[in-house]
Amino acid sequence: MQLQRSIDEPLRDLKTVSERWDGPDRGLIWSWERGRQKRREEPEAAVAAQAGELIPLPWKIGSFRYLAMWQGIRNESLNIDTDQETTLRCTRRNKTIRFPTDMVKS
């Protein structure tokens, strides 16, 4: 599934847990939106992420929810294809992290 949302789109006003997590995107859009909120709450973390560091987040590194939140905290548009493996290289640790398609649920 290809998920894309522009960074220019406003955050959605979701009231219930079900609205956030039970849709066809399995919470990836909410994770991205939460990353956008964390950018304002944790400016130092946002700077580190912007520099390419894979910072500590509530999700397991290697999961698409982590990737979505990381894109949000970096102030990037959401762009994830859950049918394609993604890899990122952490600039701080010089380590490559895989985001495999079997990690969609985590």
N, C-alpha and C. Protein backbone atom coordinates (compact mmCIF):
# COMPACT_ATOMS: atom_id res chain seq x y z
N MET A 1 0.85 -1.17 0.00
CA MET A 1 0.00 0.00 0.00
C MET A 1 0.89 1.24 0.00
N GLN A 2 0.62 2.14 -0.90
CA GLN A 2 1.36 3.41 -0.99
C GLN A 2 0.62 4.45 -0.16
N LEU A 3 1.32 5.05 0.80
CA LEU A 3 0.74 6.10 1.63
C LEU A 3 1.50 7.38 1.40
N GLN A 4 0.75 8.43 1.04
CA GLN A 4 1.35 9.74 0.83
C GLN A 4 0.42 10.80 1.38
N ARG A 5 1.00 11.74 2.10
CA ARG A 5 0.28 12.93 2.57
C ARG A 5 1.26 14.08 2.54
N SER A 6 0.80 15.20 2.06
CA SER A 6 1.65 16.38 1.96
C SER A 6 1.87 16.99 3.34
N ILE A 7 3.06 17.48 3.56
CA ILE A 7 3.39 18.16 4.81
C ILE A 7 2.53 19.42 4.97
N ASP A 8 1.97 19.91 3.89
CA ASP A 8 1.13 21.10 3.93
C ASP A 8 -0.30 20.81 4.40
N GLU A 9 -0.69 19.53 4.48
CA GLU A 9 -2.03 19.19 4.93
C GLU A 9 -2.12 19.37 6.44
N PRO A 10 -3.25 19.89 6.93
CA PRO A 10 -3.40 20.06 8.38
C PRO A 10 -3.53 18.70 9.06
N LEU A 11 -3.20 18.68 10.35
CA LEU A 11 -3.39 17.47 11.14
C LEU A 11 -4.88 17.18 11.25
N ARG A 12 -5.22 15.92 11.22
CA ARG A 12 -6.63 15.54 11.35
C ARG A 12 -7.06 15.66 12.81
N ASP A 13 -8.34 15.87 13.03
CA ASP A 13 -8.90 15.95 14.38
C ASP A 13 -9.55 14.61 14.71
N LEU A 14 -8.73 13.67 15.17
CA LEU A 14 -9.22 12.34 15.49
C LEU A 14 -9.48 12.23 16.98
N LYS A 15 -10.67 11.83 17.33
CA LYS A 15 -11.08 11.81 18.74
C LYS A 15 -10.87 10.46 19.41
N THR A 16 -10.96 9.37 18.67
CA THR A 16 -10.93 8.05 19.30
C THR A 16 -9.69 7.26 18.89
N VAL A 17 -9.35 6.31 19.73
CA VAL A 17 -8.24 5.41 19.45
C VAL A 17 -8.52 4.64 18.16
N SER A 18 -9.73 4.22 17.98
CA SER A 18 -10.10 3.48 16.78
C SER A 18 -9.88 4.30 15.51
N GLU A 19 -10.22 5.57 15.55
CA GLU A 19 -10.00 6.44 14.39
C GLU A 19 -8.51 6.51 14.04
N ARG A 20 -7.66 6.50 15.05
CA ARG A 20 -6.23 6.63 14.83
C ARG A 20 -5.58 5.36 14.32
N TRP A 21 -6.00 4.20 14.82
CA TRP A 21 -5.24 2.97 14.58
C TRP A 21 -5.94 1.92 13.73
N ASP A 22 -7.27 1.96 13.60
CA ASP A 22 -8.00 0.85 12.98
C ASP A 22 -8.34 1.04 11.51
N GLY A 23 -7.86 2.09 10.88
CA GLY A 23 -8.14 2.31 9.46
C GLY A 23 -7.26 1.45 8.57
N PRO A 24 -7.45 1.54 7.28
CA PRO A 24 -6.67 0.72 6.34
C PRO A 24 -5.17 1.03 6.39
N ASP A 25 -4.78 2.21 6.88
CA ASP A 25 -3.36 2.57 6.97
C ASP A 25 -2.71 2.02 8.23
N ARG A 26 -3.48 1.39 9.12
CA ARG A 26 -2.99 0.76 10.36
C ARG A 26 -2.22 1.73 11.25
N GLY A 27 -2.64 2.96 11.26
CA GLY A 27 -2.04 3.95 12.15
C GLY A 27 -0.81 4.64 11.61
N LEU A 28 -0.44 4.38 10.37
CA LEU A 28 0.76 5.02 9.83
C LEU A 28 0.58 6.53 9.67
N ILE A 29 -0.60 6.94 9.22
CA ILE A 29 -0.84 8.38 9.07
C ILE A 29 -0.82 9.05 10.44
N TRP A 30 -1.44 8.41 11.44
CA TRP A 30 -1.42 8.99 12.78
C TRP A 30 0.02 9.05 13.32
N SER A 31 0.81 8.02 13.08
CA SER A 31 2.21 8.03 13.53
C SER A 31 2.95 9.21 12.91
N TRP A 32 2.72 9.45 11.63
CA TRP A 32 3.34 10.58 10.94
C TRP A 32 2.88 11.91 11.55
N GLU A 33 1.56 12.01 11.78
CA GLU A 33 1.03 13.24 12.38
C GLU A 33 1.59 13.45 13.78
N ARG A 34 1.74 12.37 14.53
CA ARG A 34 2.32 12.49 15.87
C ARG A 34 3.78 12.93 15.79
N GLY A 35 4.49 12.48 14.78
CA GLY A 35 5.85 12.95 14.55
C GLY A 35 5.89 14.45 14.30
N ARG A 36 4.93 14.95 13.56
CA ARG A 36 4.85 16.40 13.31
C ARG A 36 4.62 17.16 14.62
N GLN A 37 3.81 16.59 15.51
CA GLN A 37 3.59 17.21 16.81
C GLN A 37 4.86 17.17 17.66
N LYS A 38 5.55 16.02 17.64
CA LYS A 38 6.78 15.86 18.42
C LYS A 38 7.85 16.85 17.95
N ARG A 39 7.82 17.23 16.70
CA ARG A 39 8.78 18.21 16.17
C ARG A 39 8.71 19.50 16.98
N ARG A 40 7.49 19.92 17.31
CA ARG A 40 7.31 21.14 18.10
C ARG A 40 7.66 20.90 19.57
N GLU A 41 7.36 19.71 20.07
CA GLU A 41 7.58 19.38 21.48
C GLU A 41 9.05 19.11 21.81
N GLU A 42 9.78 18.55 20.86
CA GLU A 42 11.16 18.13 21.09
C GLU A 42 12.07 18.65 19.98
N PRO A 43 12.36 19.96 19.99
CA PRO A 43 13.13 20.54 18.89
C PRO A 43 14.52 19.93 18.71
N GLU A 44 15.15 19.50 19.81
CA GLU A 44 16.49 18.89 19.68
C GLU A 44 16.41 17.57 18.92
N ALA A 45 15.38 16.79 19.21
CA ALA A 45 15.19 15.52 18.51
C ALA A 45 14.91 15.77 17.03
N ALA A 46 14.15 16.82 16.76
CA ALA A 46 13.84 17.16 15.37
C ALA A 46 15.11 17.53 14.60
N VAL A 47 15.99 18.28 15.23
CA VAL A 47 17.26 18.66 14.59
C VAL A 47 18.09 17.41 14.29
N ALA A 48 18.16 16.50 15.25
CA ALA A 48 18.93 15.26 15.06
C ALA A 48 18.33 14.42 13.93
N ALA A 49 17.02 14.30 13.90
CA ALA A 49 16.36 13.54 12.83
C ALA A 49 16.58 14.21 11.48
N GLN A 50 16.49 15.53 11.46
CA GLN A 50 16.71 16.28 10.23
C GLN A 50 18.11 16.03 9.68
N ALA A 51 19.07 15.79 10.57
CA ALA A 51 20.45 15.51 10.17
C ALA A 51 20.66 14.06 9.75
N GLY A 52 19.60 13.25 9.82
CA GLY A 52 19.69 11.87 9.38
C GLY A 52 19.89 10.86 10.48
N GLU A 53 19.82 11.31 11.73
CA GLU A 53 19.96 10.38 12.85
C GLU A 53 18.64 9.64 13.07
N LEU A 54 18.74 8.34 13.29
CA LEU A 54 17.56 7.55 13.64
C LEU A 54 17.42 7.62 15.16
N ILE A 55 16.62 8.56 15.59
CA ILE A 55 16.49 8.92 17.00
C ILE A 55 15.56 7.93 17.73
N PRO A 56 15.63 7.89 19.07
CA PRO A 56 14.69 7.06 19.82
C PRO A 56 13.26 7.59 19.64
N LEU A 57 12.37 6.69 19.29
CA LEU A 57 10.95 6.98 19.15
C LEU A 57 10.18 5.83 19.79
N PRO A 58 8.87 6.00 20.00
CA PRO A 58 8.11 4.94 20.67
C PRO A 58 8.02 3.62 19.89
N TRP A 59 8.30 3.65 18.61
CA TRP A 59 8.17 2.45 17.78
C TRP A 59 9.51 1.77 17.58
N LYS A 60 9.47 0.50 17.29
CA LYS A 60 10.67 -0.27 17.01
C LYS A 60 11.33 0.25 15.73
N ILE A 61 12.63 0.49 15.80
CA ILE A 61 13.35 0.88 14.59
C ILE A 61 13.26 -0.27 13.62
N GLY A 62 12.89 0.02 12.40
CA GLY A 62 12.69 -1.01 11.39
C GLY A 62 11.22 -1.22 11.08
N SER A 63 10.34 -0.60 11.89
CA SER A 63 8.90 -0.71 11.61
C SER A 63 8.45 0.50 10.78
N PHE A 64 7.42 0.32 10.01
CA PHE A 64 6.90 1.42 9.20
C PHE A 64 6.28 2.52 10.07
N ARG A 65 5.79 2.18 11.25
CA ARG A 65 5.29 3.23 12.15
C ARG A 65 6.45 4.12 12.60
N TYR A 66 7.60 3.52 12.85
CA TYR A 66 8.79 4.32 13.18
C TYR A 66 9.12 5.23 12.00
N LEU A 67 9.16 4.68 10.80
CA LEU A 67 9.51 5.46 9.61
C LEU A 67 8.53 6.61 9.41
N ALA A 68 7.24 6.35 9.62
CA ALA A 68 6.23 7.40 9.46
C ALA A 68 6.45 8.52 10.47
N MET A 69 6.69 8.16 11.74
CA MET A 69 6.90 9.18 12.77
C MET A 69 8.19 9.95 12.48
N TRP A 70 9.21 9.24 12.03
CA TRP A 70 10.50 9.88 11.71
C TRP A 70 10.34 10.88 10.57
N GLN A 71 9.57 10.52 9.55
CA GLN A 71 9.32 11.46 8.46
C GLN A 71 8.59 12.69 8.98
N GLY A 72 7.64 12.50 9.88
CA GLY A 72 6.90 13.62 10.45
C GLY A 72 7.77 14.55 11.27
N ILE A 73 8.62 13.98 12.12
CA ILE A 73 9.47 14.82 12.97
C ILE A 73 10.50 15.56 12.12
N ARG A 74 10.83 15.02 10.95
CA ARG A 74 11.75 15.69 10.02
C ARG A 74 11.04 16.76 9.19
N ASN A 75 9.72 16.87 9.37
CA ASN A 75 8.91 17.82 8.61
C ASN A 75 8.86 17.46 7.13
N GLU A 76 8.80 16.17 6.87
CA GLU A 76 8.69 15.66 5.50
C GLU A 76 7.26 15.22 5.23
N SER A 77 6.88 15.23 3.97
CA SER A 77 5.62 14.63 3.57
C SER A 77 5.70 13.13 3.83
N LEU A 78 4.56 12.53 4.18
CA LEU A 78 4.50 11.09 4.37
C LEU A 78 4.65 10.41 3.02
N ASN A 79 5.57 9.47 2.93
CA ASN A 79 5.78 8.74 1.68
C ASN A 79 6.32 7.36 2.02
N ILE A 80 5.40 6.40 2.15
CA ILE A 80 5.76 5.04 2.50
C ILE A 80 5.01 4.08 1.59
N ASP A 81 5.74 3.11 1.07
CA ASP A 81 5.13 2.01 0.31
C ASP A 81 5.35 0.75 1.13
N THR A 82 4.30 0.25 1.75
CA THR A 82 4.43 -0.90 2.63
C THR A 82 4.68 -2.20 1.87
N ASP A 83 4.62 -2.14 0.55
CA ASP A 83 4.92 -3.33 -0.26
C ASP A 83 6.38 -3.36 -0.70
N GLN A 84 7.14 -2.34 -0.34
CA GLN A 84 8.55 -2.25 -0.74
C GLN A 84 9.42 -2.10 0.51
N GLU A 85 10.47 -2.89 0.59
CA GLU A 85 11.42 -2.72 1.68
C GLU A 85 12.12 -1.37 1.53
N THR A 86 12.33 -0.71 2.64
CA THR A 86 13.03 0.57 2.67
C THR A 86 14.27 0.41 3.54
N THR A 87 15.33 1.11 3.19
CA THR A 87 16.52 1.14 4.05
C THR A 87 16.92 2.59 4.29
N LEU A 88 17.41 2.84 5.48
CA LEU A 88 17.95 4.14 5.85
C LEU A 88 19.28 3.93 6.54
N ARG A 89 20.15 4.90 6.40
CA ARG A 89 21.44 4.86 7.09
C ARG A 89 21.46 5.95 8.15
N CYS A 90 21.69 5.55 9.39
CA CYS A 90 21.76 6.48 10.51
C CYS A 90 23.09 7.24 10.42
N THR A 91 23.02 8.55 10.36
CA THR A 91 24.24 9.35 10.22
C THR A 91 25.07 9.36 11.50
N ARG A 92 24.44 9.15 12.63
CA ARG A 92 25.18 9.17 13.90
C ARG A 92 25.94 7.86 14.12
N ARG A 93 25.29 6.76 13.86
CA ARG A 93 25.89 5.44 14.12
C ARG A 93 26.46 4.78 12.87
N ASN A 94 26.23 5.41 11.73
CA ASN A 94 26.70 4.87 10.45
C ASN A 94 26.24 3.42 10.26
N LYS A 95 24.98 3.19 10.60
CA LYS A 95 24.40 1.85 10.53
C LYS A 95 23.17 1.89 9.63
N THR A 96 23.06 0.89 8.76
CA THR A 96 21.91 0.79 7.88
C THR A 96 20.80 0.01 8.57
N ILE A 97 19.59 0.55 8.50
CA ILE A 97 18.42 -0.09 9.09
C ILE A 97 17.46 -0.45 7.97
N ARG A 98 16.96 -1.68 8.02
CA ARG A 98 15.97 -2.16 7.05
C ARG A 98 14.57 -1.98 7.62
N PHE A 99 13.66 -1.60 6.77
CA PHE A 99 12.24 -1.52 7.08
C PHE A 99 11.54 -2.52 6.16
N PRO A 100 11.51 -3.81 6.56
CA PRO A 100 10.95 -4.84 5.69
C PRO A 100 9.44 -4.82 5.67
N THR A 101 8.88 -5.36 4.61
CA THR A 101 7.43 -5.35 4.44
C THR A 101 6.71 -6.16 5.51
N ASP A 102 7.37 -7.10 6.16
CA ASP A 102 6.69 -7.88 7.20
C ASP A 102 6.60 -7.12 8.51
N MET A 103 7.10 -5.89 8.59
CA MET A 103 7.02 -5.07 9.80
C MET A 103 5.86 -4.09 9.75
N VAL A 104 4.92 -4.26 8.83
CA VAL A 104 3.80 -3.32 8.69
C VAL A 104 2.98 -3.27 9.96
N LYS A 105 2.77 -4.38 10.64
CA LYS A 105 1.90 -4.43 11.79
C LYS A 105 2.52 -3.85 13.05
N SER A 106 3.84 -3.73 13.10
CA SER A 106 4.47 -3.29 14.34
C SER A 106 4.72 -1.80 14.38
